[in-house]
């Protein structure tokens, strides 16, 4: 499994609204494509930061699955213009553990 460990920092006071949209619209779309999601986890130290992990079956599936989401109508026609302005920054670390026993 290949996992993206994602950290998001929203603009001040925007985390709750971002997460509401993320949970209601983005999460189901990711799952429909076949990605595995774990989280989001809200930081207890920073009210504007949250984390989540996005999993792919293998390295070869990652780019096509991401493209299916980011080139799709939901992202291009709706979410990109709503969510991206709420963010200050985000970071992604990609890890691979082919021996992983983690099952989400």
C-alpha atoms as a PDB file:
ATOM      1  CA  UNK A   1       0.000   0.000   0.000  1.00  0.00           C
ATOM      2  CA  UNK A   2       1.145   3.536  -0.788  1.00  0.00           C
ATOM      3  CA  UNK A   3      -0.040   6.177   1.649  1.00  0.00           C
ATOM      4  CA  UNK A   4      -0.080   9.945   1.442  1.00  0.00           C
ATOM      5  CA  UNK A   5       0.273  11.491   4.891  1.00  0.00           C
ATOM      6  CA  UNK A   6      -1.367  14.872   4.435  1.00  0.00           C
ATOM      7  CA  UNK A   7      -1.204  17.954   6.690  1.00  0.00           C
ATOM      8  CA  UNK A   8      -3.535  20.878   6.014  1.00  0.00           C
ATOM      9  CA  UNK A   9      -3.487  24.326   7.608  1.00  0.00           C
ATOM     10  CA  UNK A  10      -6.568  26.377   6.904  1.00  0.00           C
ATOM     11  CA  UNK A  11      -6.835  30.120   7.093  1.00  0.00           C
ATOM     12  CA  UNK A  12      -7.764  31.208  10.625  1.00  0.00           C
ATOM     13  CA  UNK A  13     -11.196  29.996  11.677  1.00  0.00           C
ATOM     14  CA  UNK A  14     -11.859  27.983   8.485  1.00  0.00           C
ATOM     15  CA  UNK A  15     -11.090  24.432   9.679  1.00  0.00           C
ATOM     16  CA  UNK A  16     -14.646  23.479  10.710  1.00  0.00           C
ATOM     17  CA  UNK A  17     -16.172  24.658   7.436  1.00  0.00           C
ATOM     18  CA  UNK A  18     -13.424  22.984   5.395  1.00  0.00           C
ATOM     19  CA  UNK A  19     -13.874  19.695   7.255  1.00  0.00           C
ATOM     20  CA  UNK A  20     -17.660  19.778   6.871  1.00  0.00           C
ATOM     21  CA  UNK A  21     -17.288  20.013   3.084  1.00  0.00           C
ATOM     22  CA  UNK A  22     -14.406  17.534   3.062  1.00  0.00           C
ATOM     23  CA  UNK A  23     -16.440  14.927   4.961  1.00  0.00           C
ATOM     24  CA  UNK A  24     -19.693  15.405   3.066  1.00  0.00           C
ATOM     25  CA  UNK A  25     -18.408  15.724  -0.501  1.00  0.00           C
ATOM     26  CA  UNK A  26     -14.725  14.907  -0.922  1.00  0.00           C
ATOM     27  CA  UNK A  27     -14.566  11.775   1.243  1.00  0.00           C
ATOM     28  CA  UNK A  28     -17.374   9.895  -0.591  1.00  0.00           C
ATOM     29  CA  UNK A  29     -15.786  10.766  -3.955  1.00  0.00           C
ATOM     30  CA  UNK A  30     -12.397   9.424  -2.842  1.00  0.00           C
ATOM     31  CA  UNK A  31     -13.964   6.204  -1.580  1.00  0.00           C
ATOM     32  CA  UNK A  32     -15.954   5.750  -4.807  1.00  0.00           C
ATOM     33  CA  UNK A  33     -12.675   5.860  -6.756  1.00  0.00           C
ATOM     34  CA  UNK A  34     -11.187   3.189  -4.484  1.00  0.00           C
ATOM     35  CA  UNK A  35      -8.903   5.290  -2.296  1.00  0.00           C
ATOM     36  CA  UNK A  36      -8.780   4.510   1.396  1.00  0.00           C
ATOM     37  CA  UNK A  37      -9.066   7.413   3.838  1.00  0.00           C
ATOM     38  CA  UNK A  38      -8.112   7.516   7.475  1.00  0.00           C
ATOM     39  CA  UNK A  39      -9.059  10.664   9.319  1.00  0.00           C
ATOM     40  CA  UNK A  40      -9.332  13.568   9.306  1.00  0.00           C
ATOM     41  CA  UNK A  41      -7.703  14.123  12.658  1.00  0.00           C
ATOM     42  CA  UNK A  42      -7.930  17.641  14.089  1.00  0.00           C
ATOM     43  CA  UNK A  43      -4.862  19.030  15.825  1.00  0.00           C
ATOM     44  CA  UNK A  44      -5.422  19.697  19.502  1.00  0.00           C
ATOM     45  CA  UNK A  45      -2.528  22.196  19.475  1.00  0.00           C
ATOM     46  CA  UNK A  46      -3.519  24.280  16.441  1.00  0.00           C
ATOM     47  CA  UNK A  47      -7.191  25.101  15.756  1.00  0.00           C
ATOM     48  CA  UNK A  48      -6.475  25.553  12.049  1.00  0.00           C
ATOM     49  CA  UNK A  49      -4.584  22.313  11.339  1.00  0.00           C
ATOM     50  CA  UNK A  50      -5.756  18.796  10.544  1.00  0.00           C
ATOM     51  CA  UNK A  51      -4.280  15.586   9.185  1.00  0.00           C
ATOM     52  CA  UNK A  52      -5.479  12.638   7.162  1.00  0.00           C
ATOM     53  CA  UNK A  53      -4.045   9.704   5.289  1.00  0.00           C
ATOM     54  CA  UNK A  54      -5.049   8.671   1.791  1.00  0.00           C
ATOM     55  CA  UNK A  55      -4.166   5.139   0.697  1.00  0.00           C
ATOM     56  CA  UNK A  56      -3.684   3.535  -2.712  1.00  0.00           C
ATOM     57  CA  UNK A  57      -3.300  -0.169  -3.537  1.00  0.00           C
ATOM     58  CA  UNK A  58       0.204   0.398  -4.987  1.00  0.00           C
ATOM     59  CA  UNK A  59       2.475   3.046  -6.506  1.00  0.00           C
ATOM     60  CA  UNK A  60       1.184   2.454 -10.038  1.00  0.00           C
ATOM     61  CA  UNK A  61      -2.419   3.149  -9.048  1.00  0.00           C
ATOM     62  CA  UNK A  62      -1.703   6.441  -7.262  1.00  0.00           C
ATOM     63  CA  UNK A  63      -1.469   8.860 -10.192  1.00  0.00           C
ATOM     64  CA  UNK A  64      -4.439   7.464 -12.173  1.00  0.00           C
ATOM     65  CA  UNK A  65      -6.648   7.481  -9.079  1.00  0.00           C
ATOM     66  CA  UNK A  66      -5.612  11.019  -8.180  1.00  0.00           C
ATOM     67  CA  UNK A  67      -6.271  12.134 -11.758  1.00  0.00           C
ATOM     68  CA  UNK A  68      -9.725  10.600 -11.646  1.00  0.00           C
ATOM     69  CA  UNK A  69     -10.531  12.769  -8.627  1.00  0.00           C
ATOM     70  CA  UNK A  70      -8.760  16.020  -9.558  1.00  0.00           C
ATOM     71  CA  UNK A  71      -9.867  15.986 -13.191  1.00  0.00           C
ATOM     72  CA  UNK A  72     -13.441  15.078 -12.271  1.00  0.00           C
ATOM     73  CA  UNK A  73     -16.446  17.364 -12.310  1.00  0.00           C
ATOM     74  CA  UNK A  74     -16.829  17.453  -8.529  1.00  0.00           C
ATOM     75  CA  UNK A  75     -13.314  18.843  -8.005  1.00  0.00           C
ATOM     76  CA  UNK A  76     -13.074  21.023 -11.108  1.00  0.00           C
ATOM     77  CA  UNK A  77     -16.651  22.295 -11.053  1.00  0.00           C
ATOM     78  CA  UNK A  78     -17.157  22.762  -7.340  1.00  0.00           C
ATOM     79  CA  UNK A  79     -14.658  21.813  -4.657  1.00  0.00           C
ATOM     80  CA  UNK A  80     -11.476  23.350  -6.034  1.00  0.00           C
ATOM     81  CA  UNK A  81     -13.001  26.844  -6.005  1.00  0.00           C
ATOM     82  CA  UNK A  82     -14.458  26.388  -2.525  1.00  0.00           C
ATOM     83  CA  UNK A  83     -11.725  24.521  -0.641  1.00  0.00           C
ATOM     84  CA  UNK A  84      -8.466  25.880  -2.042  1.00  0.00           C
ATOM     85  CA  UNK A  85      -9.160  29.499  -0.968  1.00  0.00           C
ATOM     86  CA  UNK A  86      -9.687  28.244   2.610  1.00  0.00           C
ATOM     87  CA  UNK A  87      -6.154  26.841   2.816  1.00  0.00           C
ATOM     88  CA  UNK A  88      -2.990  28.553   3.942  1.00  0.00           C
ATOM     89  CA  UNK A  89      -0.889  25.543   2.986  1.00  0.00           C
ATOM     90  CA  UNK A  90      -0.748  21.791   2.794  1.00  0.00           C
ATOM     91  CA  UNK A  91       2.037  19.240   2.845  1.00  0.00           C
ATOM     92  CA  UNK A  92       2.112  15.670   1.568  1.00  0.00           C
ATOM     93  CA  UNK A  93       4.558  12.918   2.456  1.00  0.00           C
ATOM     94  CA  UNK A  94       4.249   9.706   0.419  1.00  0.00           C
ATOM     95  CA  UNK A  95       5.244   6.449   2.085  1.00  0.00           C
ATOM     96  CA  UNK A  96       5.266   2.896   0.799  1.00  0.00           C
ATOM     97  CA  UNK A  97       5.007  -0.226   2.874  1.00  0.00           C
ATOM     98  CA  UNK A  98       4.439  -3.254   0.656  1.00  0.00           C
ATOM     99  CA  UNK A  99       4.494  -5.514   3.719  1.00  0.00           C
ATOM    100  CA  UNK A 100       1.858  -3.491   5.554  1.00  0.00           C
ATOM    101  CA  UNK A 101      -0.744  -5.413   7.466  1.00  0.00           C
ATOM    102  CA  UNK A 102      -2.854  -2.282   7.943  1.00  0.00           C
ATOM    103  CA  UNK A 103      -6.401  -2.724   6.695  1.00  0.00           C
ATOM    104  CA  UNK A 104      -8.585   0.342   6.658  1.00  0.00           C
END
